[in-house]
Amino acid sequence: MTPSYKKSAMAFALLFLVAFTGINAQETKVKDLEKTSGYFDFYYNDDKGKLFLEVDRLDEEFLYVYSLKTGVGNNDLGLDRGQLGNEQVVYFTKSGNKILLVQPNLKYRADSENLQE
């Protein structure tokens, strides 16, 4: 596993600690939590260490960038403090009762008139 892949996997795992499954569940889980506004509003439960993300922009691409506030210094793992990780274009989409974070493959470009390509 490459260091870049490990960092991406850790960042995506942190982003999706909890997924909402219904409006009533949302209201119950965040009722007593403080809302933090941002590009995606979120609620944080300090006692349980859980993050509740409000996903109100489905199928809309955005730039996802992550970094480490602290780290182990300059090392072979690539987990250097204060350094930005790889950035990705991603979007949220709904599949059944789940919200998925999708990273489209932007590295491949068809260069022909063939629609199947």
PDB file of N, CA and C in Angstrom:
ATOM      1  N   MET A   1       0.849  -1.179   0.000  1.00  0.00           N
ATOM      2  CA  MET A   1       0.000   0.000   0.000  1.00  0.00           C
ATOM      3  C   MET A   1       0.894   1.242   0.000  1.00  0.00           C
ATOM      4  N   THR A   2       0.685   2.144  -0.941  1.00  0.00           N
ATOM      5  CA  THR A   2       1.522   3.338  -1.039  1.00  0.00           C
ATOM      6  C   THR A   2       1.126   4.355   0.029  1.00  0.00           C
ATOM      7  N   PRO A   3       2.061   5.215   0.456  1.00  0.00           N
ATOM      8  CA  PRO A   3       1.735   6.239   1.464  1.00  0.00           C
ATOM      9  C   PRO A   3       0.589   7.137   1.016  1.00  0.00           C
ATOM     10  N   SER A   4       0.546   7.478  -0.261  1.00  0.00           N
ATOM     11  CA  SER A   4      -0.524   8.333  -0.773  1.00  0.00           C
ATOM     12  C   SER A   4      -1.874   7.636  -0.627  1.00  0.00           C
ATOM     13  N   TYR A   5      -1.925   6.330  -0.925  1.00  0.00           N
ATOM     14  CA  TYR A   5      -3.165   5.568  -0.791  1.00  0.00           C
ATOM     15  C   TYR A   5      -3.584   5.488   0.675  1.00  0.00           C
ATOM     16  N   LYS A   6      -2.625   5.269   1.575  1.00  0.00           N
ATOM     17  CA  LYS A   6      -2.932   5.191   3.004  1.00  0.00           C
ATOM     18  C   LYS A   6      -3.533   6.502   3.495  1.00  0.00           C
ATOM     19  N   LYS A   7      -2.955   7.627   3.080  1.00  0.00           N
ATOM     20  CA  LYS A   7      -3.466   8.931   3.509  1.00  0.00           C
ATOM     21  C   LYS A   7      -4.873   9.141   2.974  1.00  0.00           C
ATOM     22  N   SER A   8      -5.120   8.760   1.722  1.00  0.00           N
ATOM     23  CA  SER A   8      -6.454   8.916   1.146  1.00  0.00           C
ATOM     24  C   SER A   8      -7.459   8.063   1.892  1.00  0.00           C
ATOM     25  N   ALA A   9      -7.097   6.827   2.180  1.00  0.00           N
ATOM     26  CA  ALA A   9      -8.002   5.924   2.883  1.00  0.00           C
ATOM     27  C   ALA A   9      -8.316   6.456   4.280  1.00  0.00           C
ATOM     28  N   MET A  10      -7.305   6.971   4.986  1.00  0.00           N
ATOM     29  CA  MET A  10      -7.539   7.515   6.326  1.00  0.00           C
ATOM     30  C   MET A  10      -8.451   8.732   6.263  1.00  0.00           C
ATOM     31  N   ALA A  11      -8.229   9.604   5.309  1.00  0.00           N
ATOM     32  CA  ALA A  11      -9.029  10.822   5.202  1.00  0.00           C
ATOM     33  C   ALA A  11     -10.479  10.500   4.882  1.00  0.00           C
ATOM     34  N   PHE A  12     -10.715   9.568   3.955  1.00  0.00           N
ATOM     35  CA  PHE A  12     -12.086   9.205   3.620  1.00  0.00           C
ATOM     36  C   PHE A  12     -12.765   8.512   4.795  1.00  0.00           C
ATOM     37  N   ALA A  13     -12.025   7.696   5.539  1.00  0.00           N
ATOM     38  CA  ALA A  13     -12.608   7.022   6.704  1.00  0.00           C
ATOM     39  C   ALA A  13     -13.010   8.037   7.764  1.00  0.00           C
ATOM     40  N   LEU A  14     -12.183   9.049   7.990  1.00  0.00           N
ATOM     41  CA  LEU A  14     -12.520  10.075   8.973  1.00  0.00           C
ATOM     42  C   LEU A  14     -13.739  10.879   8.556  1.00  0.00           C
ATOM     43  N   LEU A  15     -13.870  11.098   7.253  1.00  0.00           N
ATOM     44  CA  LEU A  15     -14.990  11.896   6.768  1.00  0.00           C
ATOM     45  C   LEU A  15     -16.319  11.184   6.960  1.00  0.00           C
ATOM     46  N   PHE A  16     -16.322   9.862   6.923  1.00  0.00           N
ATOM     47  CA  PHE A  16     -17.566   9.103   6.989  1.00  0.00           C
ATOM     48  C   PHE A  16     -17.699   8.281   8.256  1.00  0.00           C
ATOM     49  N   LEU A  17     -17.572   8.907   9.391  1.00  0.00           N
ATOM     50  CA  LEU A  17     -17.752   8.186  10.646  1.00  0.00           C
ATOM     51  C   LEU A  17     -19.205   7.781  10.831  1.00  0.00           C
ATOM     52  N   VAL A  18     -20.120   8.643  10.411  1.00  0.00           N
ATOM     53  CA  VAL A  18     -21.538   8.359  10.600  1.00  0.00           C
ATOM     54  C   VAL A  18     -22.301   8.783   9.350  1.00  0.00           C
ATOM     55  N   ALA A  19     -23.217   7.943   8.875  1.00  0.00           N
ATOM     56  CA  ALA A  19     -24.076   8.310   7.741  1.00  0.00           C
ATOM     57  C   ALA A  19     -25.507   8.431   8.239  1.00  0.00           C
ATOM     58  N   PHE A  20     -26.203   9.468   7.800  1.00  0.00           N
ATOM     59  CA  PHE A  20     -27.598   9.639   8.175  1.00  0.00           C
ATOM     60  C   PHE A  20     -28.469   8.699   7.347  1.00  0.00           C
ATOM     61  N   THR A  21     -29.517   8.158   7.974  1.00  0.00           N
ATOM     62  CA  THR A  21     -30.402   7.263   7.241  1.00  0.00           C
ATOM     63  C   THR A  21     -31.823   7.806   7.144  1.00  0.00           C
ATOM     64  N   GLY A  22     -32.182   8.834   7.886  1.00  0.00           N
ATOM     65  CA  GLY A  22     -33.526   9.393   7.811  1.00  0.00           C
ATOM     66  C   GLY A  22     -33.599  10.701   8.567  1.00  0.00           C
ATOM     67  N   ILE A  23     -34.618  11.494   8.285  1.00  0.00           N
ATOM     68  CA  ILE A  23     -34.748  12.815   8.909  1.00  0.00           C
ATOM     69  C   ILE A  23     -34.936  12.691  10.416  1.00  0.00           C
ATOM     70  N   ASN A  24     -35.755  11.755  10.877  1.00  0.00           N
ATOM     71  CA  ASN A  24     -35.958  11.597  12.324  1.00  0.00           C
ATOM     72  C   ASN A  24     -34.662  11.198  13.026  1.00  0.00           C
ATOM     73  N   ALA A  25     -33.894  10.325  12.396  1.00  0.00           N
ATOM     74  CA  ALA A  25     -32.615   9.917  12.981  1.00  0.00           C
ATOM     75  C   ALA A  25     -31.672  11.104  13.064  1.00  0.00           C
ATOM     76  N   GLN A  26     -31.688  11.955  12.043  1.00  0.00           N
ATOM     77  CA  GLN A  26     -30.827  13.140  12.040  1.00  0.00           C
ATOM     78  C   GLN A  26     -31.179  14.045  13.200  1.00  0.00           C
ATOM     79  N   GLU A  27     -32.446  14.345  13.348  1.00  0.00           N
ATOM     80  CA  GLU A  27     -32.876  15.278  14.387  1.00  0.00           C
ATOM     81  C   GLU A  27     -32.555  14.737  15.768  1.00  0.00           C
ATOM     82  N   THR A  28     -32.737  13.447  15.991  1.00  0.00           N
ATOM     83  CA  THR A  28     -32.458  12.846  17.295  1.00  0.00           C
ATOM     84  C   THR A  28     -30.969  12.876  17.605  1.00  0.00           C
ATOM     85  N   LYS A  29     -30.143  12.548  16.628  1.00  0.00           N
ATOM     86  CA  LYS A  29     -28.697  12.459  16.853  1.00  0.00           C
ATOM     87  C   LYS A  29     -28.044  13.822  17.057  1.00  0.00           C
ATOM     88  N   VAL A  30     -28.559  14.855  16.438  1.00  0.00           N
ATOM     89  CA  VAL A  30     -27.903  16.162  16.505  1.00  0.00           C
ATOM     90  C   VAL A  30     -28.667  17.169  17.359  1.00  0.00           C
ATOM     91  N   LYS A  31     -29.726  16.729  18.016  1.00  0.00           N
ATOM     92  CA  LYS A  31     -30.603  17.632  18.758  1.00  0.00           C
ATOM     93  C   LYS A  31     -29.847  18.504  19.749  1.00  0.00           C
ATOM     94  N   ASP A  32     -28.946  17.937  20.523  1.00  0.00           N
ATOM     95  CA  ASP A  32     -28.246  18.677  21.573  1.00  0.00           C
ATOM     96  C   ASP A  32     -26.817  19.068  21.186  1.00  0.00           C
ATOM     97  N   LEU A  33     -26.451  18.913  19.914  1.00  0.00           N
ATOM     98  CA  LEU A  33     -25.090  19.201  19.487  1.00  0.00           C
ATOM     99  C   LEU A  33     -25.013  20.573  18.826  1.00  0.00           C
ATOM    100  N   GLU A  34     -23.849  21.188  18.934  1.00  0.00           N
ATOM    101  CA  GLU A  34     -23.637  22.509  18.337  1.00  0.00           C
ATOM    102  C   GLU A  34     -23.322  22.362  16.846  1.00  0.00           C
ATOM    103  N   LYS A  35     -24.000  23.157  16.041  1.00  0.00           N
ATOM    104  CA  LYS A  35     -23.812  23.120  14.594  1.00  0.00           C
ATOM    105  C   LYS A  35     -22.634  24.011  14.198  1.00  0.00           C
ATOM    106  N   THR A  36     -21.771  23.501  13.324  1.00  0.00           N
ATOM    107  CA  THR A  36     -20.668  24.279  12.780  1.00  0.00           C
ATOM    108  C   THR A  36     -20.936  24.475  11.292  1.00  0.00           C
ATOM    109  N   SER A  37     -20.986  25.727  10.875  1.00  0.00           N
ATOM    110  CA  SER A  37     -21.290  26.025   9.475  1.00  0.00           C
ATOM    111  C   SER A  37     -20.036  26.010   8.629  1.00  0.00           C
ATOM    112  N   GLY A  38     -20.195  25.589   7.395  1.00  0.00           N
ATOM    113  CA  GLY A  38     -19.094  25.554   6.450  1.00  0.00           C
ATOM    114  C   GLY A  38     -19.608  25.143   5.097  1.00  0.00           C
ATOM    115  N   TYR A  39     -18.723  24.714   4.222  1.00  0.00           N
ATOM    116  CA  TYR A  39     -19.150  24.257   2.897  1.00  0.00           C
ATOM    117  C   TYR A  39     -20.149  23.120   3.058  1.00  0.00           C
ATOM    118  N   PHE A  40     -19.855  22.200   3.980  1.00  0.00           N
ATOM    119  CA  PHE A  40     -20.811  21.212   4.461  1.00  0.00           C
ATOM    120  C   PHE A  40     -20.941  21.438   5.959  1.00  0.00           C
ATOM    121  N   ASP A  41     -22.148  21.765   6.426  1.00  0.00           N
ATOM    122  CA  ASP A  41     -22.358  21.962   7.857  1.00  0.00           C
ATOM    123  C   ASP A  41     -22.189  20.621   8.567  1.00  0.00           C
ATOM    124  N   PHE A  42     -21.717  20.676   9.819  1.00  0.00           N
ATOM    125  CA  PHE A  42     -21.556  19.430  10.569  1.00  0.00           C
ATOM    126  C   PHE A  42     -21.800  19.658  12.046  1.00  0.00           C
ATOM    127  N   TYR A  43     -22.035  18.564  12.740  1.00  0.00           N
ATOM    128  CA  TYR A  43     -22.212  18.527  14.183  1.00  0.00           C
ATOM    129  C   TYR A  43     -21.159  17.578  14.730  1.00  0.00           C
ATOM    130  N   TYR A  44     -20.573  17.937  15.864  1.00  0.00           N
ATOM    131  CA  TYR A  44     -19.553  17.077  16.462  1.00  0.00           C
ATOM    132  C   TYR A  44     -19.955  16.711  17.877  1.00  0.00           C
ATOM    133  N   ASN A  45     -19.951  15.418  18.174  1.00  0.00           N
ATOM    134  CA  ASN A  45     -20.244  14.922  19.507  1.00  0.00           C
ATOM    135  C   ASN A  45     -18.909  14.644  20.195  1.00  0.00           C
ATOM    136  N   ASP A  46     -18.486  15.556  21.054  1.00  0.00           N
ATOM    137  CA  ASP A  46     -17.177  15.451  21.713  1.00  0.00           C
ATOM    138  C   ASP A  46     -17.110  14.256  22.657  1.00  0.00           C
ATOM    139  N   ASP A  47     -18.226  13.927  23.317  1.00  0.00           N
ATOM    140  CA  ASP A  47     -18.236  12.807  24.265  1.00  0.00           C
ATOM    141  C   ASP A  47     -17.979  11.468  23.570  1.00  0.00           C
ATOM    142  N   LYS A  48     -18.571  11.276  22.399  1.00  0.00           N
ATOM    143  CA  LYS A  48     -18.444  10.004  21.688  1.00  0.00           C
ATOM    144  C   LYS A  48     -17.434  10.056  20.547  1.00  0.00           C
ATOM    145  N   GLY A  49     -16.917  11.259  20.243  1.00  0.00           N
ATOM    146  CA  GLY A  49     -15.951  11.391  19.158  1.00  0.00           C
ATOM    147  C   GLY A  49     -16.569  11.117  17.792  1.00  0.00           C
ATOM    148  N   LYS A  50     -17.831  11.513  17.603  1.00  0.00           N
ATOM    149  CA  LYS A  50     -18.520  11.268  16.337  1.00  0.00           C
ATOM    150  C   LYS A  50     -18.794  12.567  15.614  1.00  0.00           C
ATOM    151  N   LEU A  51     -18.721  12.496  14.308  1.00  0.00           N
ATOM    152  CA  LEU A  51     -18.951  13.632  13.434  1.00  0.00           C
ATOM    153  C   LEU A  51     -20.183  13.343  12.584  1.00  0.00           C
ATOM    154  N   PHE A  52     -21.145  14.272  12.589  1.00  0.00           N
ATOM    155  CA  PHE A  52     -22.356  14.136  11.793  1.00  0.00           C
ATOM    156  C   PHE A  52     -22.317  15.198  10.703  1.00  0.00           C
ATOM    157  N   LEU A  53     -22.257  14.765   9.468  1.00  0.00           N
ATOM    158  CA  LEU A  53     -22.106  15.660   8.336  1.00  0.00           C
ATOM    159  C   LEU A  53     -23.447  15.866   7.646  1.00  0.00           C
ATOM    160  N   GLU A  54     -23.816  17.125   7.389  1.00  0.00           N
ATOM    161  CA  GLU A  54     -25.042  17.439   6.648  1.00  0.00           C
ATOM    162  C   GLU A  54     -24.691  17.497   5.174  1.00  0.00           C
ATOM    163  N   VAL A  55     -25.154  16.523   4.421  1.00  0.00           N
ATOM    164  CA  VAL A  55     -24.864  16.481   2.991  1.00  0.00           C
ATOM    165  C   VAL A  55     -26.093  17.002   2.259  1.00  0.00           C
ATOM    166  N   ASP A  56     -26.024  18.248   1.825  1.00  0.00           N
ATOM    167  CA  ASP A  56     -27.158  18.862   1.141  1.00  0.00           C
ATOM    168  C   ASP A  56     -26.857  19.144  -0.329  1.00  0.00           C
ATOM    169  N   ARG A  57     -25.702  18.708  -0.796  1.00  0.00           N
ATOM    170  CA  ARG A  57     -25.310  18.921  -2.192  1.00  0.00           C
ATOM    171  C   ARG A  57     -24.964  17.575  -2.819  1.00  0.00           C
ATOM    172  N   LEU A  58     -25.967  16.893  -3.322  1.00  0.00           N
ATOM    173  CA  LEU A  58     -25.739  15.597  -3.954  1.00  0.00           C
ATOM    174  C   LEU A  58     -25.352  15.789  -5.413  1.00  0.00           C
ATOM    175  N   ASP A  59     -24.473  14.922  -5.900  1.00  0.00           N
ATOM    176  CA  ASP A  59     -24.044  14.889  -7.297  1.00  0.00           C
ATOM    177  C   ASP A  59     -23.455  16.219  -7.775  1.00  0.00           C
ATOM    178  N   GLU A  60     -22.833  16.944  -6.861  1.00  0.00           N
ATOM    179  CA  GLU A  60     -22.161  18.204  -7.194  1.00  0.00           C
ATOM    180  C   GLU A  60     -20.683  18.056  -6.834  1.00  0.00           C
ATOM    181  N   GLU A  61     -19.819  18.127  -7.831  1.00  0.00           N
ATOM    182  CA  GLU A  61     -18.391  17.918  -7.597  1.00  0.00           C
ATOM    183  C   GLU A  61     -17.784  19.048  -6.768  1.00  0.00           C
ATOM    184  N   PHE A  62     -16.808  18.690  -5.929  1.00  0.00           N
ATOM    185  CA  PHE A  62     -16.055  19.672  -5.155  1.00  0.00           C
ATOM    186  C   PHE A  62     -14.640  19.156  -4.958  1.00  0.00           C
ATOM    187  N   LEU A  63     -13.747  20.052  -4.615  1.00  0.00           N
ATOM    188  CA  LEU A  63     -12.348  19.697  -4.405  1.00  0.00           C
ATOM    189  C   LEU A  63     -12.155  19.287  -2.954  1.00  0.00           C
ATOM    190  N   TYR A  64     -11.650  18.084  -2.743  1.00  0.00           N
ATOM    191  CA  TYR A  64     -11.422  17.543  -1.400  1.00  0.00           C
ATOM    192  C   TYR A  64      -9.916  17.554  -1.136  1.00  0.00           C
ATOM    193  N   VAL A  65      -9.505  18.334  -0.140  1.00  0.00           N
ATOM    194  CA  VAL A  65      -8.093  18.457   0.229  1.00  0.00           C
ATOM    195  C   VAL A  65      -7.981  18.169   1.717  1.00  0.00           C
ATOM    196  N   TYR A  66      -6.968  17.455   2.111  1.00  0.00           N
ATOM    197  CA  TYR A  66      -6.781  17.128   3.520  1.00  0.00           C
ATOM    198  C   TYR A  66      -5.327  17.356   3.918  1.00  0.00           C
ATOM    199  N   SER A  67      -5.128  17.514   5.234  1.00  0.00           N
ATOM    200  CA  SER A  67      -3.775  17.676   5.760  1.00  0.00           C
ATOM    201  C   SER A  67      -3.750  17.197   7.202  1.00  0.00           C
ATOM    202  N   LEU A  68      -2.564  17.103   7.757  1.00  0.00           N
ATOM    203  CA  LEU A  68      -2.390  16.716   9.154  1.00  0.00           C
ATOM    204  C   LEU A  68      -1.981  17.934   9.963  1.00  0.00           C
ATOM    205  N   LYS A  69      -2.669  18.173  11.062  1.00  0.00           N
ATOM    206  CA  LYS A  69      -2.293  19.278  11.945  1.00  0.00           C
ATOM    207  C   LYS A  69      -0.965  18.965  12.624  1.00  0.00           C
ATOM    208  N   THR A  70      -0.826  17.724  13.044  1.00  0.00           N
ATOM    209  CA  THR A  70       0.429  17.266  13.650  1.00  0.00           C
ATOM    210  C   THR A  70       0.824  15.968  12.965  1.00  0.00           C
ATOM    211  N   GLY A  71       2.039  15.561  13.120  1.00  0.00           N
ATOM    212  CA  GLY A  71       2.495  14.338  12.487  1.00  0.00           C
ATOM    213  C   GLY A  71       3.786  13.875  13.114  1.00  0.00           C
ATOM    214  N   VAL A  72       4.403  12.927  12.460  1.00  0.00           N
ATOM    215  CA  VAL A  72       5.634  12.348  12.998  1.00  0.00           C
ATOM    216  C   VAL A  72       6.875  12.983  12.395  1.00  0.00           C
ATOM    217  N   GLY A  73       6.711  14.102  11.704  1.00  0.00           N
ATOM    218  CA  GLY A  73       7.866  14.770  11.102  1.00  0.00           C
ATOM    219  C   GLY A  73       8.162  14.198   9.733  1.00  0.00           C
ATOM    220  N   ASN A  74       9.245  14.610   9.156  1.00  0.00           N
ATOM    221  CA  ASN A  74       9.624  14.150   7.827  1.00  0.00           C
ATOM    222  C   ASN A  74      10.055  12.698   7.917  1.00  0.00           C
ATOM    223  N   ASN A  75       9.346  11.814   7.200  1.00  0.00           N
ATOM    224  CA  ASN A  75       9.640  10.381   7.274  1.00  0.00           C
ATOM    225  C   ASN A  75       9.255   9.702   5.967  1.00  0.00           C
ATOM    226  N   ASP A  76       9.508   8.420   5.881  1.00  0.00           N
ATOM    227  CA  ASP A  76       9.198   7.658   4.668  1.00  0.00           C
ATOM    228  C   ASP A  76       7.704   7.430   4.477  1.00  0.00           C
ATOM    229  N   LEU A  77       6.913   7.570   5.539  1.00  0.00           N
ATOM    230  CA  LEU A  77       5.466   7.357   5.426  1.00  0.00           C
ATOM    231  C   LEU A  77       4.771   8.489   4.682  1.00  0.00           C
ATOM    232  N   GLY A  78       5.391   9.655   4.654  1.00  0.00           N
ATOM    233  CA  GLY A  78       4.777  10.799   3.997  1.00  0.00           C
ATOM    234  C   GLY A  78       3.762  11.502   4.881  1.00  0.00           C
ATOM    235  N   LEU A  79       3.799  11.254   6.178  1.00  0.00           N
ATOM    236  CA  LEU A  79       2.855  11.870   7.113  1.00  0.00           C
ATOM    237  C   LEU A  79       3.518  13.066   7.797  1.00  0.00           C
ATOM    238  N   ASP A  80       3.928  14.010   7.011  1.00  0.00           N
ATOM    239  CA  ASP A  80       4.636  15.176   7.529  1.00  0.00           C
ATOM    240  C   ASP A  80       3.625  16.218   7.999  1.00  0.00           C
ATOM    241  N   ARG A  81       3.833  16.769   9.170  1.00  0.00           N
ATOM    242  CA  ARG A  81       2.899  17.746   9.751  1.00  0.00           C
ATOM    243  C   ARG A  81       2.811  19.003   8.893  1.00  0.00           C
ATOM    244  N   GLY A  82       1.615  19.532   8.788  1.00  0.00           N
ATOM    245  CA  GLY A  82       1.395  20.772   8.076  1.00  0.00           C
ATOM    246  C   GLY A  82       1.420  20.662   6.557  1.00  0.00           C
ATOM    247  N   GLN A  83       1.729  19.509   6.017  1.00  0.00           N
ATOM    248  CA  GLN A  83       1.785  19.346   4.568  1.00  0.00           C
ATOM    249  C   GLN A  83       0.416  18.934   4.042  1.00  0.00           C
ATOM    250  N   LEU A  84       0.038  19.487   2.898  1.00  0.00           N
ATOM    251  CA  LEU A  84      -1.221  19.100   2.279  1.00  0.00           C
ATOM    252  C   LEU A  84      -1.083  17.723   1.657  1.00  0.00           C
ATOM    253  N   GLY A  85      -2.147  16.936   1.754  1.00  0.00           N
ATOM    254  CA  GLY A  85      -2.178  15.635   1.099  1.00  0.00           C
ATOM    255  C   GLY A  85      -2.588  15.801  -0.347  1.00  0.00           C
ATOM    256  N   ASN A  86      -2.842  14.689  -1.006  1.00  0.00           N
ATOM    257  CA  ASN A  86      -3.318  14.771  -2.386  1.00  0.00           C
ATOM    258  C   ASN A  86      -4.720  15.352  -2.402  1.00  0.00           C
ATOM    259  N   GLU A  87      -5.022  16.092  -3.437  1.00  0.00           N
ATOM    260  CA  GLU A  87      -6.368  16.641  -3.574  1.00  0.00           C
ATOM    261  C   GLU A  87      -7.114  15.823  -4.619  1.00  0.00           C
ATOM    262  N   GLN A  88      -8.410  15.677  -4.423  1.00  0.00           N
ATOM    263  CA  GLN A  88      -9.233  14.916  -5.334  1.00  0.00           C
ATOM    264  C   GLN A  88     -10.511  15.682  -5.644  1.00  0.00           C
ATOM    265  N   VAL A  89     -11.040  15.469  -6.840  1.00  0.00           N
ATOM    266  CA  VAL A  89     -12.372  15.940  -7.182  1.00  0.00           C
ATOM    267  C   VAL A  89     -13.307  14.805  -6.796  1.00  0.00           C
ATOM    268  N   VAL A  90     -14.291  15.093  -5.952  1.00  0.00           N
ATOM    269  CA  VAL A  90     -15.218  14.079  -5.456  1.00  0.00           C
ATOM    270  C   VAL A  90     -16.641  14.642  -5.460  1.00  0.00           C
ATOM    271  N   TYR A  91     -17.607  13.769  -5.233  1.00  0.00           N
ATOM    272  CA  TYR A  91     -18.990  14.201  -5.061  1.00  0.00           C
ATOM    273  C   TYR A  91     -19.736  13.177  -4.224  1.00  0.00           C
ATOM    274  N   PHE A  92     -20.780  13.632  -3.535  1.00  0.00           N
ATOM    275  CA  PHE A  92     -21.655  12.752  -2.780  1.00  0.00           C
ATOM    276  C   PHE A  92     -22.802  12.314  -3.682  1.00  0.00           C
ATOM    277  N   THR A  93     -23.202  11.058  -3.564  1.00  0.00           N
ATOM    278  CA  THR A  93     -24.366  10.559  -4.286  1.00  0.00           C
ATOM    279  C   THR A  93     -25.142   9.628  -3.360  1.00  0.00           C
ATOM    280  N   LYS A  94     -26.429   9.524  -3.609  1.00  0.00           N
ATOM    281  CA  LYS A  94     -27.273   8.680  -2.763  1.00  0.00           C
ATOM    282  C   LYS A  94     -27.500   7.347  -3.457  1.00  0.00           C
ATOM    283  N   SER A  95     -27.346   6.265  -2.701  1.00  0.00           N
ATOM    284  CA  SER A  95     -27.583   4.918  -3.203  1.00  0.00           C
ATOM    285  C   SER A  95     -28.415   4.191  -2.155  1.00  0.00           C
ATOM    286  N   GLY A  96     -29.701   4.044  -2.403  1.00  0.00           N
ATOM    287  CA  GLY A  96     -30.589   3.450  -1.401  1.00  0.00           C
ATOM    288  C   GLY A  96     -30.691   4.377  -0.211  1.00  0.00           C
ATOM    289  N   ASN A  97     -30.421   3.854   0.981  1.00  0.00           N
ATOM    290  CA  ASN A  97     -30.460   4.692   2.186  1.00  0.00           C
ATOM    291  C   ASN A  97     -29.062   5.124   2.633  1.00  0.00           C
ATOM    292  N   LYS A  98     -28.100   5.051   1.737  1.00  0.00           N
ATOM    293  CA  LYS A  98     -26.717   5.419   2.065  1.00  0.00           C
ATOM    294  C   LYS A  98     -26.260   6.599   1.219  1.00  0.00           C
ATOM    295  N   ILE A  99     -25.348   7.371   1.770  1.00  0.00           N
ATOM    296  CA  ILE A  99     -24.696   8.456   1.054  1.00  0.00           C
ATOM    297  C   ILE A  99     -23.261   8.008   0.786  1.00  0.00           C
ATOM    298  N   LEU A 100     -22.853   8.035  -0.472  1.00  0.00           N
ATOM    299  CA  LEU A 100     -21.516   7.592  -0.860  1.00  0.00           C
ATOM    300  C   LEU A 100     -20.689   8.776  -1.332  1.00  0.00           C
ATOM    301  N   LEU A 101     -19.402   8.728  -1.051  1.00  0.00           N
ATOM    302  CA  LEU A 101     -18.462   9.705  -1.582  1.00  0.00           C
ATOM    303  C   LEU A 101     -17.765   9.039  -2.759  1.00  0.00           C
ATOM    304  N   VAL A 102     -17.884   9.640  -3.936  1.00  0.00           N
ATOM    305  CA  VAL A 102     -17.359   9.048  -5.169  1.00  0.00           C
ATOM    306  C   VAL A 102     -16.236   9.920  -5.707  1.00  0.00           C
ATOM    307  N   GLN A 103     -15.145   9.263  -6.084  1.00  0.00           N
ATOM    308  CA  GLN A 103     -14.040   9.958  -6.741  1.00  0.00           C
ATOM    309  C   GLN A 103     -13.996   9.483  -8.190  1.00  0.00           C
ATOM    310  N   PRO A 104     -14.470  10.321  -9.129  1.00  0.00           N
ATOM    311  CA  PRO A 104     -14.452   9.894 -10.534  1.00  0.00           C
ATOM    312  C   PRO A 104     -13.022   9.783 -11.052  1.00  0.00           C
ATOM    313  N   ASN A 105     -12.834   8.905 -12.028  1.00  0.00           N
ATOM    314  CA  ASN A 105     -11.519   8.733 -12.647  1.00  0.00           C
ATOM    315  C   ASN A 105     -11.329   9.838 -13.678  1.00  0.00           C
ATOM    316  N   LEU A 106     -10.552  10.847 -13.330  1.00  0.00           N
ATOM    317  CA  LEU A 106     -10.308  11.968 -14.230  1.00  0.00           C
ATOM    318  C   LEU A 106      -8.990  11.825 -14.990  1.00  0.00           C
ATOM    319  N   LYS A 107      -8.301  10.718 -14.779  1.00  0.00           N
ATOM    320  CA  LYS A 107      -7.007  10.532 -15.436  1.00  0.00           C
ATOM    321  C   LYS A 107      -7.146   9.970 -16.839  1.00  0.00           C
ATOM    322  N   TYR A 108      -8.283   9.360 -17.155  1.00  0.00           N
ATOM    323  CA  TYR A 108      -8.475   8.774 -18.478  1.00  0.00           C
ATOM    324  C   TYR A 108      -9.298   9.717 -19.338  1.00  0.00           C
ATOM    325  N   ARG A 109      -8.829   9.978 -20.533  1.00  0.00           N
ATOM    326  CA  ARG A 109      -9.545  10.808 -21.485  1.00  0.00           C
ATOM    327  C   ARG A 109      -9.608  10.082 -22.812  1.00  0.00           C
ATOM    328  N   ALA A 110     -10.810   9.903 -23.347  1.00  0.00           N
ATOM    329  CA  ALA A 110     -10.956   9.295 -24.663  1.00  0.00           C
ATOM    330  C   ALA A 110     -10.620  10.350 -25.707  1.00  0.00           C
ATOM    331  N   ASP A 111      -9.864   9.947 -26.687  1.00  0.00           N
ATOM    332  CA  ASP A 111      -9.429  10.888 -27.702  1.00  0.00           C
ATOM    333  C   ASP A 111      -9.869  10.410 -29.099  1.00  0.00           C
ATOM    334  N   SER A 112     -11.124   9.960 -29.157  1.00  0.00           N
ATOM    335  CA  SER A 112     -11.645   9.509 -30.442  1.00  0.00           C
ATOM    336  C   SER A 112     -13.125   9.854 -30.525  1.00  0.00           C
ATOM    337  N   GLU A 113     -13.713   9.546 -31.635  1.00  0.00           N
ATOM    338  CA  GLU A 113     -15.135   9.828 -31.834  1.00  0.00           C
ATOM    339  C   GLU A 113     -15.997   8.658 -31.356  1.00  0.00           C
ATOM    340  N   ASN A 114     -15.386   7.582 -30.869  1.00  0.00           N
ATOM    341  CA  ASN A 114     -16.096   6.386 -30.426  1.00  0.00           C
ATOM    342  C   ASN A 114     -16.762   6.663 -29.069  1.00  0.00           C
ATOM    343  N   LEU A 115     -18.108   6.654 -29.018  1.00  0.00           N
ATOM    344  CA  LEU A 115     -18.829   6.949 -27.784  1.00  0.00           C
ATOM    345  C   LEU A 115     -18.599   5.880 -26.717  1.00  0.00           C
ATOM    346  N   GLN A 116     -18.365   4.636 -27.122  1.00  0.00           N
ATOM    347  CA  GLN A 116     -18.118   3.568 -26.142  1.00  0.00           C
ATOM    348  C   GLN A 116     -16.765   3.755 -25.440  1.00  0.00           C
ATOM    349  N   GLU A 117     -15.881   4.440 -26.079  1.00  0.00           N
ATOM    350  CA  GLU A 117     -14.566   4.686 -25.470  1.00  0.00           C
ATOM    351  C   GLU A 117     -14.704   5.775 -24.429  1.00  0.00           C
TER     352      GLU A 117
END
